[in-house]
PDB file of N, CA and C in Angstrom:
ATOM      1  N   MET A   1      15.905   1.833-188.506  1.00  0.00           N
ATOM      2  CA  MET A   1      14.809   1.075-188.045  1.00  0.00           C
ATOM      3  C   MET A   1      13.823   0.600-189.145  1.00  0.00           C
ATOM      4  N   GLY A   2      13.084  -0.368-188.921  1.00  0.00           N
ATOM      5  CA  GLY A   2      12.254  -0.803-189.993  1.00  0.00           C
ATOM      6  C   GLY A   2      10.908  -0.004-190.075  1.00  0.00           C
ATOM      7  N   LYS A   3      10.222  -0.229-191.201  1.00  0.00           N
ATOM      8  CA  LYS A   3       8.952   0.443-191.350  1.00  0.00           C
ATOM      9  C   LYS A   3       7.882  -0.118-190.465  1.00  0.00           C
ATOM     10  N   THR A   4       7.168   0.734-189.945  1.00  0.00           N
ATOM     11  CA  THR A   4       5.922   0.295-189.198  1.00  0.00           C
ATOM     12  C   THR A   4       4.693   0.365-190.021  1.00  0.00           C
ATOM     13  N   VAL A   5       4.063  -0.838-190.124  1.00  0.00           N
ATOM     14  CA  VAL A   5       2.889  -0.995-190.935  1.00  0.00           C
ATOM     15  C   VAL A   5       1.681  -0.809-190.028  1.00  0.00           C
ATOM     16  N   LYS A   6       0.892   0.120-190.433  1.00  0.00           N
ATOM     17  CA  LYS A   6      -0.351   0.401-189.662  1.00  0.00           C
ATOM     18  C   LYS A   6      -1.472  -0.090-190.513  1.00  0.00           C
ATOM     19  N   LYS A   7      -1.930  -1.313-190.152  1.00  0.00           N
ATOM     20  CA  LYS A   7      -2.993  -2.009-190.745  1.00  0.00           C
ATOM     21  C   LYS A   7      -4.290  -1.594-190.081  1.00  0.00           C
ATOM     22  N   GLN A   8      -5.329  -1.456-190.863  1.00  0.00           N
ATOM     23  CA  GLN A   8      -6.644  -1.158-190.375  1.00  0.00           C
ATOM     24  C   GLN A   8      -7.235  -2.429-189.741  1.00  0.00           C
ATOM     25  N   ARG A   9      -7.487  -2.345-188.417  1.00  0.00           N
ATOM     26  CA  ARG A   9      -7.904  -3.566-187.759  1.00  0.00           C
ATOM     27  C   ARG A   9      -9.518  -3.408-187.749  1.00  0.00           C
ATOM     28  N   PRO A  10     -10.204  -4.501-187.746  1.00  0.00           N
ATOM     29  CA  PRO A  10     -11.640  -4.528-187.769  1.00  0.00           C
ATOM     30  C   PRO A  10     -12.049  -4.109-186.270  1.00  0.00           C
ATOM     31  N   VAL A  11     -13.166  -3.317-186.240  1.00  0.00           N
ATOM     32  CA  VAL A  11     -13.682  -2.848-184.973  1.00  0.00           C
ATOM     33  C   VAL A  11     -15.088  -3.415-184.872  1.00  0.00           C
ATOM     34  N   ASN A  12     -15.240  -4.161-183.777  1.00  0.00           N
ATOM     35  CA  ASN A  12     -16.676  -4.744-183.505  1.00  0.00           C
ATOM     36  C   ASN A  12     -17.382  -3.857-182.419  1.00  0.00           C
ATOM     37  N   LEU A  13     -18.334  -3.031-182.807  1.00  0.00           N
ATOM     38  CA  LEU A  13     -19.069  -2.189-181.915  1.00  0.00           C
ATOM     39  C   LEU A  13     -20.348  -2.805-181.414  1.00  0.00           C
ATOM     40  N   ASP A  14     -20.667  -3.985-181.997  1.00  0.00           N
ATOM     41  CA  ASP A  14     -21.930  -4.712-181.568  1.00  0.00           C
ATOM     42  C   ASP A  14     -21.639  -5.507-180.354  1.00  0.00           C
ATOM     43  N   LEU A  15     -21.984  -4.910-179.138  1.00  0.00           N
ATOM     44  CA  LEU A  15     -21.585  -5.687-177.904  1.00  0.00           C
ATOM     45  C   LEU A  15     -22.327  -7.009-177.706  1.00  0.00           C
ATOM     46  N   SER A  16     -23.487  -7.137-178.405  1.00  0.00           N
ATOM     47  CA  SER A  16     -24.297  -8.393-178.178  1.00  0.00           C
ATOM     48  C   SER A  16     -23.631  -9.555-178.887  1.00  0.00           C
ATOM     49  N   THR A  17     -22.614  -9.399-179.697  1.00  0.00           N
ATOM     50  CA  THR A  17     -22.017 -10.537-180.376  1.00  0.00           C
ATOM     51  C   THR A  17     -20.738 -10.974-179.642  1.00  0.00           C
ATOM     52  N   ILE A  18     -20.262 -10.075-178.635  1.00  0.00           N
ATOM     53  CA  ILE A  18     -19.100 -10.531-177.980  1.00  0.00           C
ATOM     54  C   ILE A  18     -19.446 -11.619-176.937  1.00  0.00           C
ATOM     55  N   ARG A  19     -18.676 -12.706-176.862  1.00  0.00           N
ATOM     56  CA  ARG A  19     -18.894 -13.743-175.975  1.00  0.00           C
ATOM     57  C   ARG A  19     -17.778 -13.679-174.772  1.00  0.00           C
ATOM     58  N   PHE A  20     -18.221 -13.451-173.644  1.00  0.00           N
ATOM     59  CA  PHE A  20     -17.315 -13.397-172.566  1.00  0.00           C
ATOM     60  C   PHE A  20     -16.959 -14.813-172.013  1.00  0.00           C
ATOM     61  N   PRO A  21     -15.808 -15.084-171.550  1.00  0.00           N
ATOM     62  CA  PRO A  21     -15.563 -16.335-170.978  1.00  0.00           C
ATOM     63  C   PRO A  21     -16.107 -16.515-169.625  1.00  0.00           C
ATOM     64  N   VAL A  22     -16.191 -17.718-169.121  1.00  0.00           N
ATOM     65  CA  VAL A  22     -16.862 -17.910-167.842  1.00  0.00           C
ATOM     66  C   VAL A  22     -16.140 -17.070-166.783  1.00  0.00           C
ATOM     67  N   THR A  23     -14.725 -17.099-166.855  1.00  0.00           N
ATOM     68  CA  THR A  23     -14.106 -16.405-165.792  1.00  0.00           C
ATOM     69  C   THR A  23     -14.391 -14.804-165.773  1.00  0.00           C
ATOM     70  N   ALA A  24     -14.609 -14.269-166.946  1.00  0.00           N
ATOM     71  CA  ALA A  24     -15.015 -12.800-167.068  1.00  0.00           C
ATOM     72  C   ALA A  24     -16.406 -12.537-166.368  1.00  0.00           C
ATOM     73  N   ILE A  25     -17.247 -13.401-166.678  1.00  0.00           N
ATOM     74  CA  ILE A  25     -18.619 -13.308-166.061  1.00  0.00           C
ATOM     75  C   ILE A  25     -18.561 -13.442-164.494  1.00  0.00           C
ATOM     76  N   SER A  26     -17.724 -14.382-164.169  1.00  0.00           N
ATOM     77  CA  SER A  26     -17.582 -14.623-162.633  1.00  0.00           C
ATOM     78  C   SER A  26     -16.976 -13.495-161.961  1.00  0.00           C
ATOM     79  N   SER A  27     -15.955 -12.769-162.643  1.00  0.00           N
ATOM     80  CA  SER A  27     -15.339 -11.650-162.097  1.00  0.00           C
ATOM     81  C   SER A  27     -16.233 -10.458-162.039  1.00  0.00           C
ATOM     82  N   ILE A  28     -17.099 -10.158-163.051  1.00  0.00           N
ATOM     83  CA  ILE A  28     -18.068  -9.123-163.059  1.00  0.00           C
ATOM     84  C   ILE A  28     -19.050  -9.306-161.934  1.00  0.00           C
ATOM     85  N   LEU A  29     -19.571 -10.610-161.820  1.00  0.00           N
ATOM     86  CA  LEU A  29     -20.630 -10.847-160.778  1.00  0.00           C
ATOM     87  C   LEU A  29     -19.980 -10.673-159.395  1.00  0.00           C
ATOM     88  N   HIS A  30     -18.700 -11.052-159.141  1.00  0.00           N
ATOM     89  CA  HIS A  30     -18.072 -10.966-157.952  1.00  0.00           C
ATOM     90  C   HIS A  30     -17.976  -9.462-157.501  1.00  0.00           C
ATOM     91  N   ARG A  31     -17.606  -8.640-158.473  1.00  0.00           N
ATOM     92  CA  ARG A  31     -17.517  -7.200-158.159  1.00  0.00           C
ATOM     93  C   ARG A  31     -18.871  -6.599-157.783  1.00  0.00           C
ATOM     94  N   VAL A  32     -19.837  -7.073-158.539  1.00  0.00           N
ATOM     95  CA  VAL A  32     -21.211  -6.527-158.297  1.00  0.00           C
ATOM     96  C   VAL A  32     -21.671  -6.981-156.908  1.00  0.00           C
ATOM     97  N   SER A  33     -21.405  -8.198-156.537  1.00  0.00           N
ATOM     98  CA  SER A  33     -21.915  -8.668-155.194  1.00  0.00           C
ATOM     99  C   SER A  33     -21.108  -7.985-154.108  1.00  0.00           C
ATOM    100  N   GLY A  34     -19.914  -7.593-154.388  1.00  0.00           N
ATOM    101  CA  GLY A  34     -19.126  -6.877-153.323  1.00  0.00           C
ATOM    102  C   GLY A  34     -19.621  -5.412-153.214  1.00  0.00           C
ATOM    103  N   VAL A  35     -20.062  -4.815-154.159  1.00  0.00           N
ATOM    104  CA  VAL A  35     -20.619  -3.436-154.023  1.00  0.00           C
ATOM    105  C   VAL A  35     -21.978  -3.574-153.251  1.00  0.00           C
ATOM    106  N   ILE A  36     -22.796  -4.532-153.612  1.00  0.00           N
ATOM    107  CA  ILE A  36     -24.058  -4.760-152.917  1.00  0.00           C
ATOM    108  C   ILE A  36     -23.855  -5.010-151.479  1.00  0.00           C
ATOM    109  N   THR A  37     -22.886  -5.849-151.125  1.00  0.00           N
ATOM    110  CA  THR A  37     -22.562  -6.162-149.749  1.00  0.00           C
ATOM    111  C   THR A  37     -22.016  -4.873-149.067  1.00  0.00           C
ATOM    112  N   LEU A  38     -21.251  -4.051-149.631  1.00  0.00           N
ATOM    113  CA  LEU A  38     -20.762  -2.883-149.008  1.00  0.00           C
ATOM    114  C   LEU A  38     -21.986  -1.863-148.677  1.00  0.00           C
ATOM    115  N   VAL A  39     -22.868  -1.772-149.662  1.00  0.00           N
ATOM    116  CA  VAL A  39     -24.030  -0.843-149.393  1.00  0.00           C
ATOM    117  C   VAL A  39     -24.947  -1.464-148.286  1.00  0.00           C
ATOM    118  N   ALA A  40     -25.092  -2.743-148.292  1.00  0.00           N
ATOM    119  CA  ALA A  40     -25.984  -3.451-147.292  1.00  0.00           C
ATOM    120  C   ALA A  40     -25.307  -3.336-145.915  1.00  0.00           C
ATOM    121  N   ILE A  41     -24.066  -3.328-145.769  1.00  0.00           N
ATOM    122  CA  ILE A  41     -23.422  -3.206-144.538  1.00  0.00           C
ATOM    123  C   ILE A  41     -23.562  -1.770-143.982  1.00  0.00           C
ATOM    124  N   GLY A  42     -23.517  -0.828-144.933  1.00  0.00           N
ATOM    125  CA  GLY A  42     -23.755   0.625-144.556  1.00  0.00           C
ATOM    126  C   GLY A  42     -25.139   0.890-144.049  1.00  0.00           C
ATOM    127  N   ILE A  43     -26.123   0.257-144.674  1.00  0.00           N
ATOM    128  CA  ILE A  43     -27.549   0.424-144.163  1.00  0.00           C
ATOM    129  C   ILE A  43     -27.747  -0.346-142.871  1.00  0.00           C
ATOM    130  N   LEU A  44     -27.094  -1.497-142.714  1.00  0.00           N
ATOM    131  CA  LEU A  44     -27.171  -2.247-141.350  1.00  0.00           C
ATOM    132  C   LEU A  44     -26.537  -1.450-140.221  1.00  0.00           C
ATOM    133  N   LEU A  45     -25.399  -0.771-140.475  1.00  0.00           N
ATOM    134  CA  LEU A  45     -24.778  -0.054-139.501  1.00  0.00           C
ATOM    135  C   LEU A  45     -25.549   1.230-139.149  1.00  0.00           C
ATOM    136  N   TRP A  46     -26.160   1.848-140.132  1.00  0.00           N
ATOM    137  CA  TRP A  46     -27.008   2.955-139.846  1.00  0.00           C
ATOM    138  C   TRP A  46     -28.200   2.561-138.949  1.00  0.00           C
ATOM    139  N   LEU A  47     -28.811   1.296-139.230  1.00  0.00           N
ATOM    140  CA  LEU A  47     -29.905   0.783-138.447  1.00  0.00           C
ATOM    141  C   LEU A  47     -29.451   0.522-137.058  1.00  0.00           C
ATOM    142  N   LEU A  48     -28.265  -0.095-136.851  1.00  0.00           N
ATOM    143  CA  LEU A  48     -27.653  -0.240-135.534  1.00  0.00           C
ATOM    144  C   LEU A  48     -27.548   0.908-134.733  1.00  0.00           C
ATOM    145  N   GLY A  49     -26.965   2.039-135.395  1.00  0.00           N
ATOM    146  CA  GLY A  49     -26.870   3.288-134.719  1.00  0.00           C
ATOM    147  C   GLY A  49     -28.194   3.958-134.332  1.00  0.00           C
ATOM    148  N   LEU A  50     -29.121   3.823-135.262  1.00  0.00           N
ATOM    149  CA  LEU A  50     -30.556   4.181-134.972  1.00  0.00           C
ATOM    150  C   LEU A  50     -31.158   3.446-133.772  1.00  0.00           C
ATOM    151  N   SER A  51     -30.892   2.096-133.772  1.00  0.00           N
ATOM    152  CA  SER A  51     -31.638   1.404-132.625  1.00  0.00           C
ATOM    153  C   SER A  51     -30.878   1.636-131.322  1.00  0.00           C
ATOM    154  N   LEU A  52     -29.605   2.017-131.241  1.00  0.00           N
ATOM    155  CA  LEU A  52     -28.930   2.262-130.072  1.00  0.00           C
ATOM    156  C   LEU A  52     -29.034   3.770-129.608  1.00  0.00           C
ATOM    157  N   SER A  53     -29.556   4.587-130.350  1.00  0.00           N
ATOM    158  CA  SER A  53     -29.789   5.962-129.963  1.00  0.00           C
ATOM    159  C   SER A  53     -30.803   6.181-128.922  1.00  0.00           C
ATOM    160  N   SER A  54     -31.935   5.590-128.980  1.00  0.00           N
ATOM    161  CA  SER A  54     -32.974   5.808-128.039  1.00  0.00           C
ATOM    162  C   SER A  54     -33.999   4.725-128.131  1.00  0.00           C
ATOM    163  N   PRO A  55     -34.927   4.566-127.148  1.00  0.00           N
ATOM    164  CA  PRO A  55     -36.033   3.642-127.329  1.00  0.00           C
ATOM    165  C   PRO A  55     -36.886   3.865-128.536  1.00  0.00           C
ATOM    166  N   GLU A  56     -37.144   5.145-128.916  1.00  0.00           N
ATOM    167  CA  GLU A  56     -37.887   5.435-130.007  1.00  0.00           C
ATOM    168  C   GLU A  56     -37.090   5.074-131.311  1.00  0.00           C
ATOM    169  N   GLY A  57     -35.867   5.286-131.273  1.00  0.00           N
ATOM    170  CA  GLY A  57     -34.985   4.902-132.382  1.00  0.00           C
ATOM    171  C   GLY A  57     -35.006   3.366-132.643  1.00  0.00           C
ATOM    172  N   PHE A  58     -35.060   2.665-131.482  1.00  0.00           N
ATOM    173  CA  PHE A  58     -35.084   1.134-131.551  1.00  0.00           C
ATOM    174  C   PHE A  58     -36.486   0.747-132.197  1.00  0.00           C
ATOM    175  N   GLN A  59     -37.528   1.336-131.850  1.00  0.00           N
ATOM    176  CA  GLN A  59     -38.861   1.074-132.333  1.00  0.00           C
ATOM    177  C   GLN A  59     -38.879   1.374-133.815  1.00  0.00           C
ATOM    178  N   HIS A  60     -38.260   2.443-134.247  1.00  0.00           N
ATOM    179  CA  HIS A  60     -38.186   2.889-135.637  1.00  0.00           C
ATOM    180  C   HIS A  60     -37.440   1.913-136.449  1.00  0.00           C
ATOM    181  N   ALA A  61     -36.229   1.451-135.858  1.00  0.00           N
ATOM    182  CA  ALA A  61     -35.429   0.477-136.568  1.00  0.00           C
ATOM    183  C   ALA A  61     -36.112  -0.827-136.701  1.00  0.00           C
ATOM    184  N   ALA A  62     -36.877  -1.199-135.673  1.00  0.00           N
ATOM    185  CA  ALA A  62     -37.659  -2.494-135.685  1.00  0.00           C
ATOM    186  C   ALA A  62     -38.718  -2.385-136.688  1.00  0.00           C
ATOM    187  N   SER A  63     -39.388  -1.325-136.947  1.00  0.00           N
ATOM    188  CA  SER A  63     -40.307  -1.263-137.972  1.00  0.00           C
ATOM    189  C   SER A  63     -39.720  -1.206-139.292  1.00  0.00           C
ATOM    190  N   ILE A  64     -38.565  -0.623-139.410  1.00  0.00           N
ATOM    191  CA  ILE A  64     -37.814  -0.761-140.773  1.00  0.00           C
ATOM    192  C   ILE A  64     -37.486  -2.214-141.082  1.00  0.00           C
ATOM    193  N   MET A  65     -37.030  -2.885-140.028  1.00  0.00           N
ATOM    194  CA  MET A  65     -36.531  -4.390-140.277  1.00  0.00           C
ATOM    195  C   MET A  65     -37.693  -5.303-140.539  1.00  0.00           C
ATOM    196  N   ASP A  66     -38.959  -4.772-140.260  1.00  0.00           N
ATOM    197  CA  ASP A  66     -40.151  -5.642-140.597  1.00  0.00           C
ATOM    198  C   ASP A  66     -40.452  -5.579-142.110  1.00  0.00           C
ATOM    199  N   GLY A  67     -39.863  -4.629-142.843  1.00  0.00           N
ATOM    200  CA  GLY A  67     -40.177  -4.481-144.244  1.00  0.00           C
ATOM    201  C   GLY A  67     -39.378  -5.534-145.168  1.00  0.00           C
ATOM    202  N   PHE A  68     -39.869  -5.647-146.301  1.00  0.00           N
ATOM    203  CA  PHE A  68     -39.375  -6.621-147.273  1.00  0.00           C
ATOM    204  C   PHE A  68     -37.961  -6.351-147.587  1.00  0.00           C
ATOM    205  N   PHE A  69     -37.574  -5.094-147.881  1.00  0.00           N
ATOM    206  CA  PHE A  69     -36.186  -4.678-148.331  1.00  0.00           C
ATOM    207  C   PHE A  69     -35.195  -5.088-147.234  1.00  0.00           C
ATOM    208  N   ALA A  70     -35.501  -4.779-146.047  1.00  0.00           N
ATOM    209  CA  ALA A  70     -34.588  -5.073-144.870  1.00  0.00           C
ATOM    210  C   ALA A  70     -34.402  -6.578-144.690  1.00  0.00           C
ATOM    211  N   LYS A  71     -35.597  -7.390-144.857  1.00  0.00           N
ATOM    212  CA  LYS A  71     -35.381  -8.785-144.706  1.00  0.00           C
ATOM    213  C   LYS A  71     -34.635  -9.428-145.901  1.00  0.00           C
ATOM    214  N   PHE A  72     -34.709  -8.788-147.056  1.00  0.00           N
ATOM    215  CA  PHE A  72     -33.978  -9.183-148.297  1.00  0.00           C
ATOM    216  C   PHE A  72     -32.514  -8.949-148.018  1.00  0.00           C
ATOM    217  N   ILE A  73     -32.038  -7.845-147.463  1.00  0.00           N
ATOM    218  CA  ILE A  73     -30.756  -7.547-147.174  1.00  0.00           C
ATOM    219  C   ILE A  73     -30.204  -8.493-146.212  1.00  0.00           C
ATOM    220  N   MET A  74     -30.938  -8.790-145.114  1.00  0.00           N
ATOM    221  CA  MET A  74     -30.519  -9.656-144.071  1.00  0.00           C
ATOM    222  C   MET A  74     -30.371 -11.084-144.596  1.00  0.00           C
ATOM    223  N   TRP A  75     -31.131 -11.444-145.582  1.00  0.00           N
ATOM    224  CA  TRP A  75     -31.056 -12.890-146.121  1.00  0.00           C
ATOM    225  C   TRP A  75     -29.767 -12.856-147.056  1.00  0.00           C
ATOM    226  N   GLY A  76     -29.492 -11.808-147.734  1.00  0.00           N
ATOM    227  CA  GLY A  76     -28.280 -11.723-148.505  1.00  0.00           C
ATOM    228  C   GLY A  76     -27.019 -11.665-147.753  1.00  0.00           C
ATOM    229  N   ILE A  77     -26.947 -11.106-146.642  1.00  0.00           N
ATOM    230  CA  ILE A  77     -25.776 -11.015-145.884  1.00  0.00           C
ATOM    231  C   ILE A  77     -25.663 -12.338-145.004  1.00  0.00           C
TER     232      ILE A  77
END
């Protein structure tokens, strides 16, 4: 067999100089939005269960849905 040449390759550890292609950025954002959607659906299912448990639970879920965070989740979904 032939000789294997092990050449020292340059290592770039400065992450701010790396330029990602548009497809890589799109892929990363798609994964992040998927995780956010998964968490939001979990919160909404919890609120649904709370609202169906009792009249007091419905009032509690309605008061939670009046908050900014819940409205933001509903807007995103």
